[in-house]
PDB file of N, CA and C in Angstrom:
ATOM      1  N   MET A   1      45.888 125.165  40.943  1.00  0.00           N
ATOM      2  CA  MET A   1      46.973 125.331  40.169  1.00  0.00           C
ATOM      3  C   MET A   1      46.751 126.332  39.023  1.00  0.00           C
ATOM      4  N   ASP A   2      47.683 127.302  38.976  1.00  0.00           N
ATOM      5  CA  ASP A   2      47.533 128.525  38.043  1.00  0.00           C
ATOM      6  C   ASP A   2      47.844 127.991  36.627  1.00  0.00           C
ATOM      7  N   LYS A   3      47.473 128.766  35.525  1.00  0.00           N
ATOM      8  CA  LYS A   3      47.585 128.297  34.185  1.00  0.00           C
ATOM      9  C   LYS A   3      48.950 128.236  33.626  1.00  0.00           C
ATOM     10  N   ALA A   4      49.788 129.064  34.283  1.00  0.00           N
ATOM     11  CA  ALA A   4      51.235 129.091  33.796  1.00  0.00           C
ATOM     12  C   ALA A   4      51.952 127.890  34.165  1.00  0.00           C
ATOM     13  N   LYS A   5      51.755 127.409  35.534  1.00  0.00           N
ATOM     14  CA  LYS A   5      52.310 125.982  35.922  1.00  0.00           C
ATOM     15  C   LYS A   5      51.553 124.838  35.280  1.00  0.00           C
ATOM     16  N   GLU A   6      50.275 124.971  34.968  1.00  0.00           N
ATOM     17  CA  GLU A   6      49.622 123.815  34.329  1.00  0.00           C
ATOM     18  C   GLU A   6      50.119 123.745  32.736  1.00  0.00           C
ATOM     19  N   GLN A   7      50.535 124.799  32.184  1.00  0.00           N
ATOM     20  CA  GLN A   7      51.034 124.635  30.778  1.00  0.00           C
ATOM     21  C   GLN A   7      52.421 124.059  30.859  1.00  0.00           C
ATOM     22  N   LYS A   8      53.171 124.103  32.003  1.00  0.00           N
ATOM     23  CA  LYS A   8      54.601 123.698  31.888  1.00  0.00           C
ATOM     24  C   LYS A   8      54.488 122.020  32.265  1.00  0.00           C
ATOM     25  N   LEU A   9      53.490 121.558  32.735  1.00  0.00           N
ATOM     26  CA  LEU A   9      53.447 120.123  32.995  1.00  0.00           C
ATOM     27  C   LEU A   9      53.329 119.345  31.711  1.00  0.00           C
ATOM     28  N   LYS A  10      54.105 118.268  31.677  1.00  0.00           N
ATOM     29  CA  LYS A  10      54.129 117.601  30.466  1.00  0.00           C
ATOM     30  C   LYS A  10      53.735 116.156  30.844  1.00  0.00           C
ATOM     31  N   ALA A  11      53.257 115.275  29.840  1.00  0.00           N
ATOM     32  CA  ALA A  11      52.845 113.996  30.021  1.00  0.00           C
ATOM     33  C   ALA A  11      53.982 113.032  30.193  1.00  0.00           C
ATOM     34  N   ILE A  12      53.743 112.296  31.291  1.00  0.00           N
ATOM     35  CA  ILE A  12      54.873 111.174  31.712  1.00  0.00           C
ATOM     36  C   ILE A  12      54.418 110.070  30.875  1.00  0.00           C
ATOM     37  N   LYS A  13      55.643 109.505  30.064  1.00  0.00           N
ATOM     38  CA  LYS A  13      55.541 108.252  29.089  1.00  0.00           C
ATOM     39  C   LYS A  13      55.966 107.122  29.941  1.00  0.00           C
ATOM     40  N   ILE A  14      54.998 106.012  29.921  1.00  0.00           N
ATOM     41  CA  ILE A  14      55.523 104.812  30.717  1.00  0.00           C
ATOM     42  C   ILE A  14      55.397 103.730  29.604  1.00  0.00           C
ATOM     43  N   HIS A  15      56.395 102.949  29.548  1.00  0.00           N
ATOM     44  CA  HIS A  15      56.527 101.826  28.492  1.00  0.00           C
ATOM     45  C   HIS A  15      57.166 100.675  29.139  1.00  0.00           C
ATOM     46  N   TYR A  16      56.312  99.511  29.198  1.00  0.00           N
ATOM     47  CA  TYR A  16      56.882  98.186  29.740  1.00  0.00           C
ATOM     48  C   TYR A  16      57.216  97.378  28.618  1.00  0.00           C
ATOM     49  N   ASP A  17      58.394  96.802  28.599  1.00  0.00           N
ATOM     50  CA  ASP A  17      58.951  95.970  27.691  1.00  0.00           C
ATOM     51  C   ASP A  17      58.970  94.557  28.174  1.00  0.00           C
ATOM     52  N   SER A  18      57.747  93.823  27.560  1.00  0.00           N
ATOM     53  CA  SER A  18      57.869  92.376  28.118  1.00  0.00           C
ATOM     54  C   SER A  18      58.906  91.378  27.856  1.00  0.00           C
ATOM     55  N   PHE A  19      59.586  91.649  26.692  1.00  0.00           N
ATOM     56  CA  PHE A  19      60.630  90.756  26.249  1.00  0.00           C
ATOM     57  C   PHE A  19      61.815  91.111  27.120  1.00  0.00           C
ATOM     58  N   GLY A  20      62.200  92.333  27.248  1.00  0.00           N
ATOM     59  CA  GLY A  20      63.213  92.701  28.134  1.00  0.00           C
ATOM     60  C   GLY A  20      62.988  92.860  29.683  1.00  0.00           C
ATOM     61  N   ASN A  21      61.707  92.641  30.055  1.00  0.00           N
ATOM     62  CA  ASN A  21      61.094  92.904  31.491  1.00  0.00           C
ATOM     63  C   ASN A  21      61.808  94.221  32.097  1.00  0.00           C
ATOM     64  N   THR A  22      61.582  95.333  31.281  1.00  0.00           N
ATOM     65  CA  THR A  22      62.015  96.633  31.808  1.00  0.00           C
ATOM     66  C   THR A  22      60.908  97.559  31.850  1.00  0.00           C
ATOM     67  N   LEU A  23      60.876  98.358  32.687  1.00  0.00           N
ATOM     68  CA  LEU A  23      59.950  99.454  32.656  1.00  0.00           C
ATOM     69  C   LEU A  23      60.649 100.810  32.604  1.00  0.00           C
ATOM     70  N   ASN A  24      60.255 101.664  31.347  1.00  0.00           N
ATOM     71  CA  ASN A  24      60.865 102.898  31.123  1.00  0.00           C
ATOM     72  C   ASN A  24      59.897 103.961  31.383  1.00  0.00           C
ATOM     73  N   VAL A  25      60.217 104.995  32.195  1.00  0.00           N
ATOM     74  CA  VAL A  25      59.495 106.044  32.586  1.00  0.00           C
ATOM     75  C   VAL A  25      60.253 107.433  32.018  1.00  0.00           C
ATOM     76  N   TRP A  26      59.570 108.171  31.276  1.00  0.00           N
ATOM     77  CA  TRP A  26      60.171 109.489  30.908  1.00  0.00           C
ATOM     78  C   TRP A  26      59.399 110.640  31.144  1.00  0.00           C
ATOM     79  N   PHE A  27      60.088 111.743  31.707  1.00  0.00           N
ATOM     80  CA  PHE A  27      59.526 112.934  32.221  1.00  0.00           C
ATOM     81  C   PHE A  27      59.578 114.010  31.083  1.00  0.00           C
ATOM     82  N   ASP A  28      60.327 113.704  30.119  1.00  0.00           N
ATOM     83  CA  ASP A  28      60.676 114.509  28.904  1.00  0.00           C
ATOM     84  C   ASP A  28      60.781 113.586  27.667  1.00  0.00           C
ATOM     85  N   ASP A  29      60.858 114.429  26.560  1.00  0.00           N
ATOM     86  CA  ASP A  29      60.978 113.716  25.357  1.00  0.00           C
ATOM     87  C   ASP A  29      62.164 112.705  25.277  1.00  0.00           C
ATOM     88  N   PRO A  30      61.979 111.290  25.133  1.00  0.00           N
ATOM     89  CA  PRO A  30      62.964 110.350  25.079  1.00  0.00           C
ATOM     90  C   PRO A  30      64.156 110.582  23.926  1.00  0.00           C
ATOM     91  N   GLU A  31      63.885 111.585  22.940  1.00  0.00           N
ATOM     92  CA  GLU A  31      64.831 111.900  21.917  1.00  0.00           C
ATOM     93  C   GLU A  31      65.985 112.695  22.580  1.00  0.00           C
ATOM     94  N   LYS A  32      65.606 113.354  23.483  1.00  0.00           N
ATOM     95  CA  LYS A  32      66.585 114.309  24.371  1.00  0.00           C
ATOM     96  C   LYS A  32      67.674 113.446  25.127  1.00  0.00           C
ATOM     97  N   GLU A  33      67.442 112.190  25.150  1.00  0.00           N
ATOM     98  CA  GLU A  33      68.483 111.325  25.972  1.00  0.00           C
ATOM     99  C   GLU A  33      69.827 111.569  25.366  1.00  0.00           C
ATOM    100  N   PHE A  34      70.774 111.874  26.328  1.00  0.00           N
ATOM    101  CA  PHE A  34      72.188 112.078  25.724  1.00  0.00           C
ATOM    102  C   PHE A  34      73.152 111.094  26.403  1.00  0.00           C
ATOM    103  N   ILE A  35      72.902 110.675  27.716  1.00  0.00           N
ATOM    104  CA  ILE A  35      73.786 109.754  28.368  1.00  0.00           C
ATOM    105  C   ILE A  35      72.891 108.920  29.492  1.00  0.00           C
ATOM    106  N   SER A  36      73.271 107.826  29.818  1.00  0.00           N
ATOM    107  CA  SER A  36      72.625 106.995  30.702  1.00  0.00           C
ATOM    108  C   SER A  36      73.549 106.642  31.841  1.00  0.00           C
ATOM    109  N   GLU A  37      72.916 106.507  33.090  1.00  0.00           N
ATOM    110  CA  GLU A  37      73.853 106.360  34.201  1.00  0.00           C
ATOM    111  C   GLU A  37      73.287 105.255  35.226  1.00  0.00           C
ATOM    112  N   GLU A  38      74.059 103.978  35.332  1.00  0.00           N
ATOM    113  CA  GLU A  38      73.478 103.029  36.145  1.00  0.00           C
ATOM    114  C   GLU A  38      73.643 103.516  37.628  1.00  0.00           C
ATOM    115  N   THR A  39      72.768 103.122  38.416  1.00  0.00           N
ATOM    116  CA  THR A  39      72.825 103.404  39.741  1.00  0.00           C
ATOM    117  C   THR A  39      73.165 102.268  40.651  1.00  0.00           C
ATOM    118  N   GLY A  40      73.236 100.981  40.097  1.00  0.00           N
ATOM    119  CA  GLY A  40      73.661  99.828  40.803  1.00  0.00           C
ATOM    120  C   GLY A  40      72.503  99.147  41.448  1.00  0.00           C
ATOM    121  N   ASP A  41      71.230  99.708  41.386  1.00  0.00           N
ATOM    122  CA  ASP A  41      69.993  98.997  41.855  1.00  0.00           C
ATOM    123  C   ASP A  41      69.190  98.653  40.907  1.00  0.00           C
ATOM    124  N   GLU A  42      69.718  98.167  39.718  1.00  0.00           N
ATOM    125  CA  GLU A  42      68.893  97.782  38.526  1.00  0.00           C
ATOM    126  C   GLU A  42      68.196  99.117  38.074  1.00  0.00           C
ATOM    127  N   VAL A  43      68.511 100.144  38.235  1.00  0.00           N
ATOM    128  CA  VAL A  43      67.886 101.472  37.686  1.00  0.00           C
ATOM    129  C   VAL A  43      69.021 102.116  36.794  1.00  0.00           C
ATOM    130  N   ILE A  44      68.545 102.538  35.675  1.00  0.00           N
ATOM    131  CA  ILE A  44      69.351 103.258  34.835  1.00  0.00           C
ATOM    132  C   ILE A  44      68.844 104.736  34.602  1.00  0.00           C
ATOM    133  N   LEU A  45      69.469 105.837  34.983  1.00  0.00           N
ATOM    134  CA  LEU A  45      68.923 107.140  34.888  1.00  0.00           C
ATOM    135  C   LEU A  45      69.223 107.695  33.492  1.00  0.00           C
ATOM    136  N   ASN A  46      68.259 108.312  32.783  1.00  0.00           N
ATOM    137  CA  ASN A  46      68.337 108.729  31.484  1.00  0.00           C
ATOM    138  C   ASN A  46      68.612 110.272  31.631  1.00  0.00           C
ATOM    139  N   LYS A  47      69.624 110.858  31.115  1.00  0.00           N
ATOM    140  CA  LYS A  47      70.018 112.428  31.225  1.00  0.00           C
ATOM    141  C   LYS A  47      70.020 113.041  30.020  1.00  0.00           C
ATOM    142  N   ASP A  48      69.727 114.303  29.863  1.00  0.00           N
ATOM    143  CA  ASP A  48      69.689 115.177  28.784  1.00  0.00           C
ATOM    144  C   ASP A  48      71.368 115.782  28.678  1.00  0.00           C
ATOM    145  N   LYS A  49      71.499 116.569  27.513  1.00  0.00           N
ATOM    146  CA  LYS A  49      72.813 116.997  27.643  1.00  0.00           C
ATOM    147  C   LYS A  49      73.301 117.956  28.714  1.00  0.00           C
ATOM    148  N   LYS A  50      72.260 118.598  29.520  1.00  0.00           N
ATOM    149  CA  LYS A  50      72.625 119.312  30.560  1.00  0.00           C
ATOM    150  C   LYS A  50      72.883 118.497  31.974  1.00  0.00           C
ATOM    151  N   GLY A  51      72.596 117.144  31.802  1.00  0.00           N
ATOM    152  CA  GLY A  51      72.711 116.216  32.924  1.00  0.00           C
ATOM    153  C   GLY A  51      71.355 116.143  33.766  1.00  0.00           C
ATOM    154  N   LYS A  52      70.222 116.782  33.335  1.00  0.00           N
ATOM    155  CA  LYS A  52      68.936 116.745  33.867  1.00  0.00           C
ATOM    156  C   LYS A  52      68.519 115.301  33.633  1.00  0.00           C
ATOM    157  N   VAL A  53      67.902 114.738  34.769  1.00  0.00           N
ATOM    158  CA  VAL A  53      67.243 113.467  34.631  1.00  0.00           C
ATOM    159  C   VAL A  53      66.028 113.673  34.071  1.00  0.00           C
ATOM    160  N   ILE A  54      65.848 112.867  32.824  1.00  0.00           N
ATOM    161  CA  ILE A  54      64.647 113.045  32.012  1.00  0.00           C
ATOM    162  C   ILE A  54      63.847 111.664  31.901  1.00  0.00           C
ATOM    163  N   GLY A  55      64.337 110.699  32.696  1.00  0.00           N
ATOM    164  CA  GLY A  55      63.668 109.450  32.642  1.00  0.00           C
ATOM    165  C   GLY A  55      64.503 108.345  33.362  1.00  0.00           C
ATOM    166  N   PHE A  56      63.894 107.201  33.469  1.00  0.00           N
ATOM    167  CA  PHE A  56      64.608 106.023  34.102  1.00  0.00           C
ATOM    168  C   PHE A  56      64.221 104.715  33.596  1.00  0.00           C
ATOM    169  N   GLU A  57      65.024 103.574  33.720  1.00  0.00           N
ATOM    170  CA  GLU A  57      64.686 102.432  33.303  1.00  0.00           C
ATOM    171  C   GLU A  57      64.899 101.512  34.370  1.00  0.00           C
ATOM    172  N   LYS A  58      63.896 100.573  34.779  1.00  0.00           N
ATOM    173  CA  LYS A  58      63.991  99.647  35.934  1.00  0.00           C
ATOM    174  C   LYS A  58      64.204  98.306  35.179  1.00  0.00           C
ATOM    175  N   LEU A  59      65.402  97.795  35.488  1.00  0.00           N
ATOM    176  CA  LEU A  59      65.658  96.505  34.997  1.00  0.00           C
ATOM    177  C   LEU A  59      64.942  95.356  35.759  1.00  0.00           C
ATOM    178  N   ASN A  60      64.567  94.338  35.251  1.00  0.00           N
ATOM    179  CA  ASN A  60      63.921  93.157  35.888  1.00  0.00           C
ATOM    180  C   ASN A  60      62.754  93.700  36.722  1.00  0.00           C
ATOM    181  N   PHE A  61      61.871  94.296  36.017  1.00  0.00           N
ATOM    182  CA  PHE A  61      60.840  94.871  36.805  1.00  0.00           C
ATOM    183  C   PHE A  61      59.873  93.872  37.314  1.00  0.00           C
ATOM    184  N   PHE A  62      59.583  92.823  36.834  1.00  0.00           N
ATOM    185  CA  PHE A  62      58.716  91.666  37.526  1.00  0.00           C
ATOM    186  C   PHE A  62      59.878  90.569  37.852  1.00  0.00           C
ATOM    187  N   LYS A  63      59.521  89.937  38.960  1.00  0.00           N
ATOM    188  CA  LYS A  63      60.416  88.829  39.291  1.00  0.00           C
ATOM    189  C   LYS A  63      60.224  87.568  38.157  1.00  0.00           C
ATOM    190  N   LYS A  64      61.113  86.861  38.287  1.00  0.00           N
ATOM    191  CA  LYS A  64      61.203  85.655  37.210  1.00  0.00           C
ATOM    192  C   LYS A  64      59.969  84.945  37.385  1.00  0.00           C
ATOM    193  N   GLY A  65      59.339  84.508  36.138  1.00  0.00           N
ATOM    194  CA  GLY A  65      58.051  83.638  36.205  1.00  0.00           C
ATOM    195  C   GLY A  65      56.755  84.562  36.237  1.00  0.00           C
ATOM    196  N   ASN A  66      56.914  85.909  36.454  1.00  0.00           N
ATOM    197  CA  ASN A  66      55.563  86.638  36.415  1.00  0.00           C
ATOM    198  C   ASN A  66      55.599  87.432  35.234  1.00  0.00           C
ATOM    199  N   THR A  67      55.510  86.944  34.033  1.00  0.00           N
ATOM    200  CA  THR A  67      55.603  87.570  32.857  1.00  0.00           C
ATOM    201  C   THR A  67      54.398  87.798  32.113  1.00  0.00           C
ATOM    202  N   SER A  68      53.378  87.114  32.459  1.00  0.00           N
ATOM    203  CA  SER A  68      52.151  87.121  31.709  1.00  0.00           C
ATOM    204  C   SER A  68      51.190  88.328  32.346  1.00  0.00           C
ATOM    205  N   ILE A  69      51.557  89.484  32.174  1.00  0.00           N
ATOM    206  CA  ILE A  69      50.798  90.562  32.689  1.00  0.00           C
ATOM    207  C   ILE A  69      49.829  91.062  31.685  1.00  0.00           C
ATOM    208  N   LYS A  70      48.747  91.731  32.090  1.00  0.00           N
ATOM    209  CA  LYS A  70      47.798  92.258  30.982  1.00  0.00           C
ATOM    210  C   LYS A  70      47.677  93.822  31.252  1.00  0.00           C
ATOM    211  N   SER A  71      48.087  94.322  32.654  1.00  0.00           N
ATOM    212  CA  SER A  71      48.089  95.655  32.747  1.00  0.00           C
ATOM    213  C   SER A  71      49.089  96.027  33.830  1.00  0.00           C
ATOM    214  N   LEU A  72      49.496  97.251  33.978  1.00  0.00           N
ATOM    215  CA  LEU A  72      50.353  97.780  34.763  1.00  0.00           C
ATOM    216  C   LEU A  72      49.668  98.667  35.781  1.00  0.00           C
ATOM    217  N   PRO A  73      49.719  98.534  37.090  1.00  0.00           N
ATOM    218  CA  PRO A  73      49.157  99.349  38.073  1.00  0.00           C
ATOM    219  C   PRO A  73      49.769 100.700  38.185  1.00  0.00           C
ATOM    220  N   VAL A  74      48.928 101.823  37.899  1.00  0.00           N
ATOM    221  CA  VAL A  74      49.513 103.321  37.959  1.00  0.00           C
ATOM    222  C   VAL A  74      48.708 104.125  38.879  1.00  0.00           C
ATOM    223  N   GLU A  75      49.308 104.691  39.769  1.00  0.00           N
ATOM    224  CA  GLU A  75      48.651 105.709  40.678  1.00  0.00           C
ATOM    225  C   GLU A  75      49.153 107.195  40.121  1.00  0.00           C
ATOM    226  N   VAL A  76      48.105 108.004  40.239  1.00  0.00           N
ATOM    227  CA  VAL A  76      48.452 109.468  39.823  1.00  0.00           C
ATOM    228  C   VAL A  76      48.037 110.426  40.990  1.00  0.00           C
ATOM    229  N   PHE A  77      48.779 111.217  41.282  1.00  0.00           N
ATOM    230  CA  PHE A  77      48.565 112.041  42.567  1.00  0.00           C
ATOM    231  C   PHE A  77      48.781 113.542  41.937  1.00  0.00           C
ATOM    232  N   LEU A  78      47.748 114.379  42.194  1.00  0.00           N
ATOM    233  CA  LEU A  78      47.711 115.765  41.723  1.00  0.00           C
ATOM    234  C   LEU A  78      47.641 116.569  42.984  1.00  0.00           C
ATOM    235  N   GLN A  79      48.428 117.565  43.094  1.00  0.00           N
ATOM    236  CA  GLN A  79      48.323 118.411  44.200  1.00  0.00           C
ATOM    237  C   GLN A  79      48.069 119.723  43.734  1.00  0.00           C
TER     238      GLN A  79
END
């Protein structure tokens, strides 16, 4: 990957809320969130002022009764 593309990559932020059982994934600064849109599949898209998706929230991330987690499995693929 060339340096120009490499510098444009931002860190993805992942946050699991055990109380609300939601998983939040951000591709950009969460402070830029302007509007949220429900998809109907227990997923909420977070968008900036231009309508660009900058993150999402997955409701009911774990099935009922499976709330005693110690870690979240994450896979990273770089091309």
